[in-house]
Protein backbone atom coordinates (compact mmCIF):
# COMPACT_ATOMS: atom_id res chain seq x y z
CA MET A 1 -198.55 -76.27 -45.79
CA ALA A 2 -198.82 -78.87 -48.55
CA ASN A 3 -195.57 -80.05 -50.13
CA SER A 4 -193.35 -78.44 -47.51
CA ILE A 5 -191.30 -79.78 -44.65
CA PRO A 6 -192.92 -79.17 -41.26
CA PRO A 7 -190.90 -76.71 -39.12
CA ALA A 8 -190.48 -79.35 -36.39
CA ILE A 9 -188.61 -81.56 -38.90
CA HIS A 10 -186.69 -78.93 -40.87
CA GLY A 11 -183.03 -78.78 -39.84
CA GLN A 12 -183.12 -81.74 -37.44
CA GLN A 13 -180.22 -84.21 -37.41
CA TYR A 14 -182.38 -87.36 -37.27
CA ILE A 15 -185.94 -88.37 -37.96
CA SER A 16 -187.88 -91.37 -36.85
CA LEU A 17 -189.28 -93.02 -39.96
CA ALA A 18 -192.34 -95.09 -39.06
CA THR A 19 -193.25 -97.73 -41.64
CA PHE A 20 -196.03 -100.29 -41.45
CA ARG A 21 -195.96 -104.06 -41.63
CA LYS A 22 -198.74 -105.84 -43.53
CA THR A 23 -200.33 -106.55 -40.13
CA GLY A 24 -200.46 -102.82 -39.39
CA ILE A 25 -197.72 -102.93 -36.75
CA VAL A 26 -195.59 -99.77 -36.79
CA VAL A 27 -191.80 -100.09 -37.07
CA GLN A 28 -189.87 -96.94 -36.18
CA THR A 29 -186.33 -96.43 -37.42
CA PRO A 30 -184.07 -93.42 -36.75
CA VAL A 31 -182.50 -92.27 -40.02
CA TRP A 32 -180.39 -89.52 -41.53
CA PHE A 33 -182.20 -87.44 -44.11
CA GLY A 34 -181.60 -84.74 -46.67
CA GLU A 35 -183.94 -81.86 -47.46
CA GLU A 36 -184.66 -80.20 -50.78
CA ASP A 37 -187.64 -78.50 -52.43
CA GLY A 38 -190.03 -79.36 -49.59
CA LYS A 39 -189.16 -83.06 -49.63
CA LEU A 40 -187.02 -85.37 -47.51
CA TYR A 41 -184.59 -87.94 -48.87
CA VAL A 42 -183.44 -91.09 -47.09
CA MET A 43 -180.65 -93.44 -48.18
CA THR A 44 -180.67 -97.15 -47.31
CA ARG A 45 -180.18 -100.60 -48.77
CA SER A 46 -182.78 -102.41 -50.84
CA ASP A 47 -182.62 -105.50 -48.61
CA MET A 48 -183.58 -103.61 -45.44
CA GLY A 49 -187.00 -104.13 -43.87
CA LYS A 50 -188.04 -100.49 -44.25
CA THR A 51 -187.59 -100.75 -48.02
CA LYS A 52 -189.82 -103.81 -48.18
CA ARG A 53 -192.43 -102.16 -45.95
CA ILE A 54 -192.47 -98.97 -48.06
CA ARG A 55 -192.78 -101.06 -51.22
CA ASN A 56 -195.91 -102.65 -49.68
CA ASN A 57 -197.32 -99.46 -48.12
CA PRO A 58 -195.96 -96.00 -49.00
CA GLN A 59 -197.76 -94.31 -46.11
CA VAL A 60 -195.26 -93.38 -43.39
CA LYS A 61 -195.00 -91.16 -40.33
CA VAL A 62 -192.05 -88.90 -39.63
CA ALA A 63 -191.01 -87.28 -36.33
CA PRO A 64 -187.85 -85.59 -35.05
CA CYS A 65 -185.81 -87.91 -32.86
CA THR A 66 -182.47 -88.56 -31.21
CA ILE A 67 -179.76 -90.78 -32.68
CA ARG A 68 -181.23 -93.67 -30.67
CA GLY A 69 -184.76 -93.06 -31.99
CA LYS A 70 -186.35 -91.32 -29.00
CA ILE A 71 -189.05 -89.11 -30.52
CA THR A 72 -188.59 -85.48 -29.50
CA GLY A 73 -191.46 -83.75 -31.29
CA PRO A 74 -194.71 -84.15 -33.20
CA GLU A 75 -195.30 -86.89 -35.74
CA PHE A 76 -196.39 -86.09 -39.31
CA ALA A 77 -198.13 -88.26 -41.89
CA ALA A 78 -196.27 -88.52 -45.18
CA THR A 79 -195.86 -90.62 -48.30
CA ALA A 80 -192.62 -92.32 -49.28
CA ARG A 81 -191.59 -93.17 -52.81
CA ILE A 82 -188.71 -95.49 -53.72
CA LEU A 83 -186.69 -93.54 -56.25
CA PRO A 84 -185.61 -94.98 -59.60
CA LYS A 85 -181.86 -95.17 -60.15
CA GLN A 86 -181.74 -92.05 -62.34
CA GLU A 87 -182.85 -89.96 -59.32
CA TRP A 88 -180.31 -91.36 -56.83
CA ASP A 89 -177.61 -88.77 -57.48
CA ARG A 90 -179.82 -85.83 -56.51
CA ALA A 91 -181.03 -87.65 -53.39
CA ARG A 92 -177.50 -88.66 -52.36
CA LYS A 93 -176.30 -85.04 -52.69
CA THR A 94 -178.93 -83.84 -50.20
CA LEU A 95 -177.45 -86.23 -47.61
CA THR A 96 -173.77 -85.59 -48.32
CA ARG A 97 -174.34 -81.84 -48.04
CA LYS A 98 -175.72 -82.36 -44.55
CA TYR A 99 -173.59 -85.23 -43.20
CA TRP A 100 -169.87 -85.26 -43.95
CA LEU A 101 -169.66 -88.87 -42.74
CA ALA A 102 -172.00 -89.93 -45.58
CA LYS A 103 -169.24 -88.92 -48.01
CA ILE A 104 -166.66 -91.31 -46.58
CA SER A 105 -168.48 -94.05 -44.69
CA ALA A 106 -168.54 -97.52 -46.25
CA PRO A 107 -172.08 -98.45 -45.10
CA PHE A 108 -173.47 -95.51 -47.02
CA SER A 109 -171.48 -96.33 -50.13
CA ARG A 110 -173.42 -99.63 -50.27
CA ALA A 111 -176.75 -97.80 -50.36
CA ASP A 112 -178.81 -98.99 -53.29
CA ALA A 113 -182.19 -97.53 -52.38
CA PHE A 114 -183.36 -93.98 -51.82
CA PHE A 115 -186.73 -92.73 -50.61
CA GLU A 116 -188.37 -89.41 -51.32
CA ILE A 117 -190.78 -88.38 -48.57
CA THR A 118 -193.52 -85.83 -49.21
CA PHE A 119 -195.97 -84.36 -46.74
CA ALA A 120 -199.71 -84.06 -47.36
């Protein structure tokens, strides 16, 4: 099932994105995500902790979760890549297709970092 979204993740509203501090401590964050071509896309700001942690360690774990971050299914190992600016438009479109609020909400208009998540 390489390079495809696990069925437990596909179509969910939220995922828990687990990133790792330099000390190895896991930090889980519930996030919105888009799906396309077997990959997930996450929009955030470059000054957020998860961006710094992914910059230091691209290995992440992803699990379906509730809006408050309660994990509701299995966790999957994955790799995150911070996208260069020329790839932002495609990533943003995956989120705005799924979440109408992402089209109009000010916090998302300030997003200046996008991740692409692939599964091993």
